[in-house]
Amino acid sequence: MTVIPINRQPKGVPVGGQFAATAHAEPSLSLAPATTGRHSAPATANRPVPESLRMAHFQDPRLASELEWEIERTVIAFSDAEMDYRAESFSDLVPNLQVEEAYGYFNKARDAHHAGQDWKAIVAEAAAADTAAHPGGTLKGDYRPPLATHQAGYEQGTLTTGQKYTGYRNATDICKDIRADLKKATEANYLPAGLKYSVTNDKYSGGQSIHVSVQGVSDSDRIDHTNLNHRGDYAELKEAEELQERVEAITNAYNRTDLGNNADYANVAYWGRAEIETDRARQFREDEAARRKAARDAR
């Protein structure tokens, strides 16, 4: 069990729910039992990120405001249990910091808030420290992530234009450019090192599609066994979700999509999709490759 001290307003002072800025004997904050992982030990290490998912990390623009919210809620926290909840929620928002460091920022910001000082600067410092502590590092060179523009489309839909869209092109030619872009993104640390990408396309009456399969991320690296998603299945690590989003953005950098507000209208240069290959899909791919090789050798 981890014990983190919290300075509360002394008993008898009629300002319930506020907190003292000076140290004195206080009730302690008890975190969850050892089975919950991050809050399990006094010297909890930074949140581990698998090598296959280590890539340049960017601070979430919502992080500072979410941390500020937790500090603001301490003003009306009237029980130890609620204060414990706010402190742990604050710590969970900065998972790249050690638990003790996160609680230190929480206590410091809360005390500054009570004293009328610049507590938001402390929150911003905590957010920056969490970003800097991420093992993925930063971008290399002058690489710029792909962007897309969004505007009103047909029938209250959305018209999205990739940064490299120059008009309708053959999907086979676009695939060549996507492969080059994936290589540059890897060299710049925008994508993890050591992964492989299968870029394929299909053409059919009325359209074409491009599919990118990310190979080299195992299920054990991809899945977060401590969280469930809305379907009740194990959720993916946020780095795995981010990896798929980045590859999908690169895949659609040459695309232009005008999607209506319903399923009745779609005008696209191509259907672009990216996904991380599962262990089951990898095994099937390898088995099929072995079967085809055996068939060739038997001829």
C-alpha atoms as a PDB file:
ATOM      1  CA  MET A   1       0.000   0.000   0.000  1.00  0.00           C
ATOM      2  CA  THR A   2       1.300   3.463  -0.870  1.00  0.00           C
ATOM      3  CA  VAL A   3       0.788   6.212   1.680  1.00  0.00           C
ATOM      4  CA  ILE A   4       0.903   9.810   0.448  1.00  0.00           C
ATOM      5  CA  PRO A   5       0.462  12.628   3.000  1.00  0.00           C
ATOM      6  CA  ILE A   6      -2.246  15.232   2.395  1.00  0.00           C
ATOM      7  CA  ASN A   7      -2.298  18.497   4.392  1.00  0.00           C
ATOM      8  CA  ARG A   8      -5.863  19.248   5.455  1.00  0.00           C
ATOM      9  CA  GLN A   9      -7.370  22.221   7.280  1.00  0.00           C
ATOM     10  CA  PRO A  10      -7.131  21.655  11.090  1.00  0.00           C
ATOM     11  CA  LYS A  11     -10.225  20.373  12.821  1.00  0.00           C
ATOM     12  CA  GLY A  12     -12.417  23.140  14.230  1.00  0.00           C
ATOM     13  CA  VAL A  13     -11.586  25.778  11.608  1.00  0.00           C
ATOM     14  CA  PRO A  14     -14.925  26.682   9.917  1.00  0.00           C
ATOM     15  CA  VAL A  15     -13.771  26.406   6.299  1.00  0.00           C
ATOM     16  CA  GLY A  16     -14.798  22.851   5.539  1.00  0.00           C
ATOM     17  CA  GLY A  17     -13.447  21.307   2.365  1.00  0.00           C
ATOM     18  CA  GLN A  18     -10.322  23.488   2.147  1.00  0.00           C
ATOM     19  CA  PHE A  19      -6.761  22.497   2.818  1.00  0.00           C
ATOM     20  CA  ALA A  20      -3.917  23.870   4.870  1.00  0.00           C
ATOM     21  CA  ALA A  21      -0.773  25.159   3.174  1.00  0.00           C
ATOM     22  CA  THR A  22       1.363  24.328   6.215  1.00  0.00           C
ATOM     23  CA  ALA A  23       2.454  20.902   7.405  1.00  0.00           C
ATOM     24  CA  HIS A  24       0.896  19.300  10.474  1.00  0.00           C
ATOM     25  CA  ALA A  25      -0.383  15.923  11.629  1.00  0.00           C
ATOM     26  CA  GLU A  26      -2.908  14.742   9.070  1.00  0.00           C
ATOM     27  CA  PRO A  27      -4.860  11.706   7.987  1.00  0.00           C
ATOM     28  CA  SER A  28      -3.027   9.848   5.232  1.00  0.00           C
ATOM     29  CA  LEU A  29      -4.189   9.016   1.754  1.00  0.00           C
ATOM     30  CA  SER A  30      -4.243   5.290   1.037  1.00  0.00           C
ATOM     31  CA  LEU A  31      -4.034   4.120  -2.516  1.00  0.00           C
ATOM     32  CA  ALA A  32      -5.490   0.983  -4.038  1.00  0.00           C
ATOM     33  CA  PRO A  33      -4.077  -2.446  -3.152  1.00  0.00           C
ATOM     34  CA  ALA A  34      -1.072  -3.925  -4.924  1.00  0.00           C
ATOM     35  CA  THR A  35      -3.168  -5.615  -7.598  1.00  0.00           C
ATOM     36  CA  THR A  36      -3.903  -2.345  -9.408  1.00  0.00           C
ATOM     37  CA  GLY A  37      -0.427  -1.797 -10.852  1.00  0.00           C
ATOM     38  CA  ARG A  38       0.509   1.868 -11.025  1.00  0.00           C
ATOM     39  CA  HIS A  39      -0.562   2.693  -7.463  1.00  0.00           C
ATOM     40  CA  SER A  40       0.893  -0.471  -5.952  1.00  0.00           C
ATOM     41  CA  ALA A  41       4.261   0.448  -4.413  1.00  0.00           C
ATOM     42  CA  PRO A  42       6.110   3.437  -2.938  1.00  0.00           C
ATOM     43  CA  ALA A  43       8.651   3.481  -5.781  1.00  0.00           C
ATOM     44  CA  THR A  44       6.403   2.819  -8.735  1.00  0.00           C
ATOM     45  CA  ALA A  45       8.381   3.083 -11.973  1.00  0.00           C
ATOM     46  CA  ASN A  46       7.255   5.128 -14.948  1.00  0.00           C
ATOM     47  CA  ARG A  47       4.508   3.479 -16.981  1.00  0.00           C
ATOM     48  CA  PRO A  48       6.172   0.939 -19.284  1.00  0.00           C
ATOM     49  CA  VAL A  49       5.749   1.380 -23.036  1.00  0.00           C
ATOM     50  CA  PRO A  50       6.704  -1.600 -25.250  1.00  0.00           C
ATOM     51  CA  GLU A  51       9.595  -1.044 -27.655  1.00  0.00           C
ATOM     52  CA  SER A  52       7.293  -1.731 -30.601  1.00  0.00           C
ATOM     53  CA  LEU A  53       5.158   1.288 -29.644  1.00  0.00           C
ATOM     54  CA  ARG A  54       7.864   3.809 -28.763  1.00  0.00           C
ATOM     55  CA  MET A  55       7.559   6.857 -30.975  1.00  0.00           C
ATOM     56  CA  ALA A  56       7.656  10.635 -30.639  1.00  0.00           C
ATOM     57  CA  HIS A  57       5.251  11.798 -27.956  1.00  0.00           C
ATOM     58  CA  PHE A  58       3.207  15.011 -28.046  1.00  0.00           C
ATOM     59  CA  GLN A  59       1.405  16.574 -25.117  1.00  0.00           C
ATOM     60  CA  ASP A  60      -2.353  16.169 -25.305  1.00  0.00           C
ATOM     61  CA  PRO A  61      -3.793  19.706 -25.621  1.00  0.00           C
ATOM     62  CA  ARG A  62      -6.536  18.703 -23.174  1.00  0.00           C
ATOM     63  CA  LEU A  63      -4.146  17.505 -20.455  1.00  0.00           C
ATOM     64  CA  ALA A  64      -3.561  20.805 -18.632  1.00  0.00           C
ATOM     65  CA  SER A  65      -7.287  21.617 -18.446  1.00  0.00           C
ATOM     66  CA  GLU A  66      -8.083  18.103 -17.176  1.00  0.00           C
ATOM     67  CA  LEU A  67      -5.428  18.437 -14.452  1.00  0.00           C
ATOM     68  CA  GLU A  68      -6.785  21.884 -13.521  1.00  0.00           C
ATOM     69  CA  TRP A  69     -10.256  20.366 -13.152  1.00  0.00           C
ATOM     70  CA  GLU A  70      -9.021  17.867 -10.576  1.00  0.00           C
ATOM     71  CA  ILE A  71      -7.400  20.662  -8.545  1.00  0.00           C
ATOM     72  CA  GLU A  72     -10.519  22.829  -8.738  1.00  0.00           C
ATOM     73  CA  ARG A  73     -12.664  19.964  -7.479  1.00  0.00           C
ATOM     74  CA  THR A  74     -10.584  19.738  -4.290  1.00  0.00           C
ATOM     75  CA  VAL A  75     -12.151  23.017  -3.142  1.00  0.00           C
ATOM     76  CA  ILE A  76     -15.481  21.256  -2.586  1.00  0.00           C
ATOM     77  CA  ALA A  77     -14.080  17.894  -1.456  1.00  0.00           C
ATOM     78  CA  PHE A  78     -15.560  17.342   2.014  1.00  0.00           C
ATOM     79  CA  SER A  79     -14.316  13.825   2.711  1.00  0.00           C
ATOM     80  CA  ASP A  80     -11.058  11.907   2.748  1.00  0.00           C
ATOM     81  CA  ALA A  81     -12.480   9.477   0.189  1.00  0.00           C
ATOM     82  CA  GLU A  82     -13.246  12.229  -2.315  1.00  0.00           C
ATOM     83  CA  MET A  83      -9.841  13.847  -1.795  1.00  0.00           C
ATOM     84  CA  ASP A  84      -8.197  10.458  -2.321  1.00  0.00           C
ATOM     85  CA  TYR A  85     -10.171  10.068  -5.539  1.00  0.00           C
ATOM     86  CA  ARG A  86      -9.093  13.481  -6.869  1.00  0.00           C
ATOM     87  CA  ALA A  87      -5.447  12.857  -6.026  1.00  0.00           C
ATOM     88  CA  GLU A  88      -5.454   9.471  -7.733  1.00  0.00           C
ATOM     89  CA  SER A  89      -7.313  10.847 -10.762  1.00  0.00           C
ATOM     90  CA  PHE A  90      -4.679  13.577 -11.074  1.00  0.00           C
ATOM     91  CA  SER A  91      -1.934  10.941 -10.920  1.00  0.00           C
ATOM     92  CA  ASP A  92      -3.630   8.783 -13.545  1.00  0.00           C
ATOM     93  CA  LEU A  93      -3.658  11.719 -15.972  1.00  0.00           C
ATOM     94  CA  VAL A  94       0.163  11.895 -15.856  1.00  0.00           C
ATOM     95  CA  PRO A  95       1.053   8.178 -16.079  1.00  0.00           C
ATOM     96  CA  ASN A  96       4.623   8.809 -17.279  1.00  0.00           C
ATOM     97  CA  LEU A  97       5.539  10.308 -13.910  1.00  0.00           C
ATOM     98  CA  GLN A  98       6.236   8.206 -10.859  1.00  0.00           C
ATOM     99  CA  VAL A  99       3.273   8.096  -8.506  1.00  0.00           C
ATOM    100  CA  GLU A 100       5.112  10.033  -5.805  1.00  0.00           C
ATOM    101  CA  GLU A 101       6.102  12.782  -8.243  1.00  0.00           C
ATOM    102  CA  ALA A 102       2.520  13.087  -9.495  1.00  0.00           C
ATOM    103  CA  TYR A 103       1.198  13.418  -5.942  1.00  0.00           C
ATOM    104  CA  GLY A 104       3.867  16.027  -5.243  1.00  0.00           C
ATOM    105  CA  TYR A 105       2.541  18.187  -8.083  1.00  0.00           C
ATOM    106  CA  PHE A 106      -1.012  17.590  -6.858  1.00  0.00           C
ATOM    107  CA  ASN A 107      -0.235  18.721  -3.305  1.00  0.00           C
ATOM    108  CA  LYS A 108       1.785  21.713  -4.507  1.00  0.00           C
ATOM    109  CA  ALA A 109      -0.899  22.905  -6.930  1.00  0.00           C
ATOM    110  CA  ARG A 110      -3.658  22.382  -4.381  1.00  0.00           C
ATOM    111  CA  ASP A 111      -1.805  24.364  -1.718  1.00  0.00           C
ATOM    112  CA  ALA A 112      -1.069  27.165  -4.220  1.00  0.00           C
ATOM    113  CA  HIS A 113      -4.767  27.255  -5.166  1.00  0.00           C
ATOM    114  CA  HIS A 114      -5.733  27.610  -1.499  1.00  0.00           C
ATOM    115  CA  ALA A 115      -3.162  30.386  -1.008  1.00  0.00           C
ATOM    116  CA  GLY A 116      -4.344  32.317  -4.064  1.00  0.00           C
ATOM    117  CA  GLN A 117      -1.068  31.772  -5.908  1.00  0.00           C
ATOM    118  CA  ASP A 118      -0.392  30.805  -9.555  1.00  0.00           C
ATOM    119  CA  TRP A 119      -1.442  27.174  -9.224  1.00  0.00           C
ATOM    120  CA  LYS A 120      -2.082  26.776 -12.960  1.00  0.00           C
ATOM    121  CA  ALA A 121       1.651  27.225 -13.626  1.00  0.00           C
ATOM    122  CA  ILE A 122       2.309  24.216 -11.386  1.00  0.00           C
ATOM    123  CA  VAL A 123      -0.274  22.188 -13.298  1.00  0.00           C
ATOM    124  CA  ALA A 124       1.345  23.197 -16.604  1.00  0.00           C
ATOM    125  CA  GLU A 125       4.713  22.103 -15.188  1.00  0.00           C
ATOM    126  CA  ALA A 126       3.261  18.700 -14.279  1.00  0.00           C
ATOM    127  CA  ALA A 127       1.866  18.274 -17.797  1.00  0.00           C
ATOM    128  CA  ALA A 128       5.207  19.220 -19.369  1.00  0.00           C
ATOM    129  CA  ALA A 129       7.096  16.862 -17.051  1.00  0.00           C
ATOM    130  CA  ASP A 130       4.777  13.990 -17.991  1.00  0.00           C
ATOM    131  CA  THR A 131       5.356  14.664 -21.702  1.00  0.00           C
ATOM    132  CA  ALA A 132       9.140  14.835 -21.259  1.00  0.00           C
ATOM    133  CA  ALA A 133       9.176  11.570 -19.278  1.00  0.00           C
ATOM    134  CA  HIS A 134       7.480   9.556 -22.018  1.00  0.00           C
ATOM    135  CA  PRO A 135       9.971   6.936 -23.283  1.00  0.00           C
ATOM    136  CA  GLY A 136       9.004   7.573 -26.896  1.00  0.00           C
ATOM    137  CA  GLY A 137      11.139  10.700 -27.114  1.00  0.00           C
ATOM    138  CA  THR A 138      10.635  13.524 -29.621  1.00  0.00           C
ATOM    139  CA  LEU A 139      10.631  14.067 -33.373  1.00  0.00           C
ATOM    140  CA  LYS A 140      13.931  14.057 -35.261  1.00  0.00           C
ATOM    141  CA  GLY A 141      14.932  16.552 -37.930  1.00  0.00           C
ATOM    142  CA  ASP A 142      12.396  18.803 -39.609  1.00  0.00           C
ATOM    143  CA  TYR A 143       9.690  16.165 -40.121  1.00  0.00           C
ATOM    144  CA  ARG A 144       6.116  17.475 -40.033  1.00  0.00           C
ATOM    145  CA  PRO A 145       3.196  15.128 -39.359  1.00  0.00           C
ATOM    146  CA  PRO A 146       0.553  14.929 -42.099  1.00  0.00           C
ATOM    147  CA  LEU A 147      -2.401  17.264 -41.720  1.00  0.00           C
ATOM    148  CA  ALA A 148      -5.851  17.379 -43.269  1.00  0.00           C
ATOM    149  CA  THR A 149      -8.353  20.169 -43.753  1.00  0.00           C
ATOM    150  CA  HIS A 150     -12.028  19.791 -42.865  1.00  0.00           C
ATOM    151  CA  GLN A 151     -14.960  21.784 -44.175  1.00  0.00           C
ATOM    152  CA  ALA A 152     -18.667  21.438 -44.781  1.00  0.00           C
ATOM    153  CA  GLY A 153     -19.506  18.762 -47.314  1.00  0.00           C
ATOM    154  CA  TYR A 154     -22.570  17.496 -49.115  1.00  0.00           C
ATOM    155  CA  GLU A 155     -25.829  17.263 -47.163  1.00  0.00           C
ATOM    156  CA  GLN A 156     -24.380  18.455 -43.843  1.00  0.00           C
ATOM    157  CA  GLY A 157     -21.517  16.018 -44.225  1.00  0.00           C
ATOM    158  CA  THR A 158     -17.762  16.617 -43.925  1.00  0.00           C
ATOM    159  CA  LEU A 159     -15.313  17.229 -46.749  1.00  0.00           C
ATOM    160  CA  THR A 160     -11.808  16.145 -45.694  1.00  0.00           C
ATOM    161  CA  THR A 161      -8.789  16.856 -47.887  1.00  0.00           C
ATOM    162  CA  GLY A 162      -5.375  15.308 -47.243  1.00  0.00           C
ATOM    163  CA  GLN A 163      -2.332  17.548 -47.269  1.00  0.00           C
ATOM    164  CA  LYS A 164      -0.857  15.824 -50.339  1.00  0.00           C
ATOM    165  CA  TYR A 165      -4.030  15.496 -52.376  1.00  0.00           C
ATOM    166  CA  THR A 166      -3.487  16.760 -55.942  1.00  0.00           C
ATOM    167  CA  GLY A 167      -6.461  15.179 -57.647  1.00  0.00           C
ATOM    168  CA  TYR A 168      -7.601  11.681 -58.504  1.00  0.00           C
ATOM    169  CA  ARG A 169      -4.707   9.232 -58.893  1.00  0.00           C
ATOM    170  CA  ASN A 170      -4.264   5.520 -59.426  1.00  0.00           C
ATOM    171  CA  ALA A 171      -4.089   3.655 -56.091  1.00  0.00           C
ATOM    172  CA  THR A 172      -1.010   1.706 -57.255  1.00  0.00           C
ATOM    173  CA  ASP A 173       0.948   4.945 -57.635  1.00  0.00           C
ATOM    174  CA  ILE A 174      -0.313   6.277 -54.319  1.00  0.00           C
ATOM    175  CA  CYS A 175       0.869   3.096 -52.573  1.00  0.00           C
ATOM    176  CA  LYS A 176       4.430   3.807 -53.716  1.00  0.00           C
ATOM    177  CA  ASP A 177       4.274   7.266 -52.158  1.00  0.00           C
ATOM    178  CA  ILE A 178       2.761   5.915 -48.934  1.00  0.00           C
ATOM    179  CA  ARG A 179       5.608   3.404 -48.568  1.00  0.00           C
ATOM    180  CA  ALA A 180       8.141   6.234 -48.940  1.00  0.00           C
ATOM    181  CA  ASP A 181       6.215   8.341 -46.406  1.00  0.00           C
ATOM    182  CA  LEU A 182       6.155   5.498 -43.876  1.00  0.00           C
ATOM    183  CA  LYS A 183       9.929   5.145 -44.209  1.00  0.00           C
ATOM    184  CA  LYS A 184      10.485   8.876 -43.635  1.00  0.00           C
ATOM    185  CA  ALA A 185       8.121   8.859 -40.651  1.00  0.00           C
ATOM    186  CA  THR A 186      10.051   5.974 -39.089  1.00  0.00           C
ATOM    187  CA  GLU A 187      13.391   7.719 -39.590  1.00  0.00           C
ATOM    188  CA  ALA A 188      11.959  10.817 -37.880  1.00  0.00           C
ATOM    189  CA  ASN A 189      10.687   8.786 -34.888  1.00  0.00           C
ATOM    190  CA  TYR A 190       7.096   9.687 -35.780  1.00  0.00           C
ATOM    191  CA  LEU A 191       6.546   5.930 -36.126  1.00  0.00           C
ATOM    192  CA  PRO A 192       8.281   3.237 -34.039  1.00  0.00           C
ATOM    193  CA  ALA A 193      11.462   1.634 -35.324  1.00  0.00           C
ATOM    194  CA  GLY A 194      11.515  -2.036 -36.273  1.00  0.00           C
ATOM    195  CA  LEU A 195       7.987  -2.332 -37.669  1.00  0.00           C
ATOM    196  CA  LYS A 196       6.995  -3.459 -41.140  1.00  0.00           C
ATOM    197  CA  TYR A 197       4.127  -2.176 -43.263  1.00  0.00           C
ATOM    198  CA  SER A 198       2.176  -4.049 -45.892  1.00  0.00           C
ATOM    199  CA  VAL A 199       0.655  -1.513 -48.306  1.00  0.00           C
ATOM    200  CA  THR A 200      -1.842  -3.034 -50.746  1.00  0.00           C
ATOM    201  CA  ASN A 201      -4.665  -1.781 -52.942  1.00  0.00           C
ATOM    202  CA  ASP A 202      -7.792  -3.079 -54.606  1.00  0.00           C
ATOM    203  CA  LYS A 203      -9.623  -1.757 -57.644  1.00  0.00           C
ATOM    204  CA  TYR A 204     -13.250  -2.471 -58.377  1.00  0.00           C
ATOM    205  CA  SER A 205     -16.158  -1.081 -60.333  1.00  0.00           C
ATOM    206  CA  GLY A 206     -16.721   2.456 -59.127  1.00  0.00           C
ATOM    207  CA  GLY A 207     -13.712   2.875 -56.869  1.00  0.00           C
ATOM    208  CA  GLN A 208     -10.436   1.778 -55.286  1.00  0.00           C
ATOM    209  CA  SER A 209      -9.083   1.177 -51.809  1.00  0.00           C
ATOM    210  CA  ILE A 210      -5.740   1.169 -49.998  1.00  0.00           C
ATOM    211  CA  HIS A 211      -5.018  -0.944 -46.949  1.00  0.00           C
ATOM    212  CA  VAL A 212      -1.959  -0.647 -44.677  1.00  0.00           C
ATOM    213  CA  SER A 213      -1.211  -3.433 -42.224  1.00  0.00           C
ATOM    214  CA  VAL A 214       1.206  -2.639 -39.380  1.00  0.00           C
ATOM    215  CA  GLN A 215       3.299  -5.725 -38.629  1.00  0.00           C
ATOM    216  CA  GLY A 216       5.504  -6.272 -35.600  1.00  0.00           C
ATOM    217  CA  VAL A 217       3.268  -5.304 -32.662  1.00  0.00           C
ATOM    218  CA  SER A 218       2.265  -8.383 -30.663  1.00  0.00           C
ATOM    219  CA  ASP A 219      -1.041  -8.668 -28.839  1.00  0.00           C
ATOM    220  CA  SER A 220       0.850  -8.597 -25.526  1.00  0.00           C
ATOM    221  CA  ASP A 221       2.344  -5.212 -26.516  1.00  0.00           C
ATOM    222  CA  ARG A 222      -0.871  -3.841 -27.966  1.00  0.00           C
ATOM    223  CA  ILE A 223      -3.434  -4.759 -25.303  1.00  0.00           C
ATOM    224  CA  ASP A 224      -3.854  -3.112 -21.905  1.00  0.00           C
ATOM    225  CA  HIS A 225      -4.929  -5.913 -19.581  1.00  0.00           C
ATOM    226  CA  THR A 226      -5.786  -3.445 -16.794  1.00  0.00           C
ATOM    227  CA  ASN A 227      -8.576  -1.648 -18.690  1.00  0.00           C
ATOM    228  CA  LEU A 228     -11.755  -2.623 -20.493  1.00  0.00           C
ATOM    229  CA  ASN A 229     -13.316  -0.824 -23.440  1.00  0.00           C
ATOM    230  CA  HIS A 230     -17.017  -0.028 -23.904  1.00  0.00           C
ATOM    231  CA  ARG A 231     -17.630  -3.544 -25.270  1.00  0.00           C
ATOM    232  CA  GLY A 232     -16.173  -5.204 -22.166  1.00  0.00           C
ATOM    233  CA  ASP A 233     -13.048  -6.381 -24.008  1.00  0.00           C
ATOM    234  CA  TYR A 234      -9.496  -5.522 -23.009  1.00  0.00           C
ATOM    235  CA  ALA A 235      -8.666  -2.046 -24.298  1.00  0.00           C
ATOM    236  CA  GLU A 236      -5.662  -1.169 -26.415  1.00  0.00           C
ATOM    237  CA  LEU A 237      -2.784   0.852 -25.018  1.00  0.00           C
ATOM    238  CA  LYS A 238      -3.169   4.494 -25.977  1.00  0.00           C
ATOM    239  CA  GLU A 239       0.145   4.234 -27.865  1.00  0.00           C
ATOM    240  CA  ALA A 240      -1.340   1.444 -29.996  1.00  0.00           C
ATOM    241  CA  GLU A 241      -4.367   3.610 -30.763  1.00  0.00           C
ATOM    242  CA  GLU A 242      -2.069   6.528 -31.566  1.00  0.00           C
ATOM    243  CA  LEU A 243       0.071   4.364 -33.861  1.00  0.00           C
ATOM    244  CA  GLN A 244      -2.973   3.307 -35.860  1.00  0.00           C
ATOM    245  CA  GLU A 245      -4.183   6.916 -36.109  1.00  0.00           C
ATOM    246  CA  ARG A 246      -0.788   8.120 -37.344  1.00  0.00           C
ATOM    247  CA  VAL A 247      -0.491   5.400 -39.975  1.00  0.00           C
ATOM    248  CA  GLU A 248      -4.052   6.061 -41.078  1.00  0.00           C
ATOM    249  CA  ALA A 249      -3.261   9.774 -41.438  1.00  0.00           C
ATOM    250  CA  ILE A 250      -0.266   8.935 -43.636  1.00  0.00           C
ATOM    251  CA  THR A 251      -2.432   6.510 -45.623  1.00  0.00           C
ATOM    252  CA  ASN A 252      -5.023   9.205 -46.314  1.00  0.00           C
ATOM    253  CA  ALA A 253      -2.649  12.112 -46.937  1.00  0.00           C
ATOM    254  CA  TYR A 254      -3.384  11.751 -50.688  1.00  0.00           C
ATOM    255  CA  ASN A 255      -7.102  11.317 -50.207  1.00  0.00           C
ATOM    256  CA  ARG A 256     -10.173  13.505 -50.489  1.00  0.00           C
ATOM    257  CA  THR A 257     -13.390  12.294 -48.898  1.00  0.00           C
ATOM    258  CA  ASP A 258     -16.816  13.872 -48.946  1.00  0.00           C
ATOM    259  CA  LEU A 259     -19.023  11.822 -46.657  1.00  0.00           C
ATOM    260  CA  GLY A 260     -22.660  12.684 -46.148  1.00  0.00           C
ATOM    261  CA  ASN A 261     -24.306  12.820 -42.757  1.00  0.00           C
ATOM    262  CA  ASN A 262     -25.806   9.412 -43.463  1.00  0.00           C
ATOM    263  CA  ALA A 263     -24.722   6.240 -45.211  1.00  0.00           C
ATOM    264  CA  ASP A 264     -26.377   7.190 -48.502  1.00  0.00           C
ATOM    265  CA  TYR A 265     -23.635   9.428 -49.877  1.00  0.00           C
ATOM    266  CA  ALA A 266     -19.858   9.033 -50.177  1.00  0.00           C
ATOM    267  CA  ASN A 267     -17.478  10.587 -52.691  1.00  0.00           C
ATOM    268  CA  VAL A 268     -13.861   9.536 -52.121  1.00  0.00           C
ATOM    269  CA  ALA A 269     -10.636   9.368 -54.116  1.00  0.00           C
ATOM    270  CA  TYR A 270     -10.061   6.018 -52.437  1.00  0.00           C
ATOM    271  CA  TRP A 271     -11.029   4.189 -49.280  1.00  0.00           C
ATOM    272  CA  GLY A 272      -7.959   4.318 -47.018  1.00  0.00           C
ATOM    273  CA  ARG A 273      -7.620   2.122 -43.956  1.00  0.00           C
ATOM    274  CA  ALA A 274      -4.811   1.156 -41.567  1.00  0.00           C
ATOM    275  CA  GLU A 275      -4.795  -1.449 -38.816  1.00  0.00           C
ATOM    276  CA  ILE A 276      -2.365  -3.212 -36.507  1.00  0.00           C
ATOM    277  CA  GLU A 277      -1.990  -6.888 -37.345  1.00  0.00           C
ATOM    278  CA  THR A 278      -3.141  -9.196 -34.533  1.00  0.00           C
ATOM    279  CA  ASP A 279      -1.292 -12.348 -33.503  1.00  0.00           C
ATOM    280  CA  ARG A 280      -4.031 -14.445 -35.082  1.00  0.00           C
ATOM    281  CA  ALA A 281      -3.776 -12.554 -38.390  1.00  0.00           C
ATOM    282  CA  ARG A 282       0.017 -12.842 -38.324  1.00  0.00           C
ATOM    283  CA  GLN A 283      -0.176 -16.596 -37.777  1.00  0.00           C
ATOM    284  CA  PHE A 284      -2.627 -16.969 -40.659  1.00  0.00           C
ATOM    285  CA  ARG A 285      -0.381 -14.892 -42.940  1.00  0.00           C
ATOM    286  CA  GLU A 286       2.684 -16.947 -42.059  1.00  0.00           C
ATOM    287  CA  ASP A 287       0.814 -20.241 -42.476  1.00  0.00           C
ATOM    288  CA  GLU A 288      -0.451 -19.160 -45.896  1.00  0.00           C
ATOM    289  CA  ALA A 289       3.058 -18.127 -46.951  1.00  0.00           C
ATOM    290  CA  ALA A 290       4.411 -21.519 -45.847  1.00  0.00           C
ATOM    291  CA  ARG A 291       1.628 -23.334 -47.686  1.00  0.00           C
ATOM    292  CA  ARG A 292       2.294 -21.440 -50.923  1.00  0.00           C
ATOM    293  CA  LYS A 293       6.034 -22.096 -50.637  1.00  0.00           C
ATOM    294  CA  ALA A 294       5.437 -25.807 -50.111  1.00  0.00           C
ATOM    295  CA  ALA A 295       3.163 -25.868 -53.157  1.00  0.00           C
ATOM    296  CA  ARG A 296       5.839 -24.166 -55.274  1.00  0.00           C
ATOM    297  CA  ASP A 297       8.548 -26.518 -54.050  1.00  0.00           C
ATOM    298  CA  ALA A 298       6.377 -29.539 -54.882  1.00  0.00           C
ATOM    299  CA  ARG A 299       6.029 -28.577 -58.528  1.00  0.00           C
END
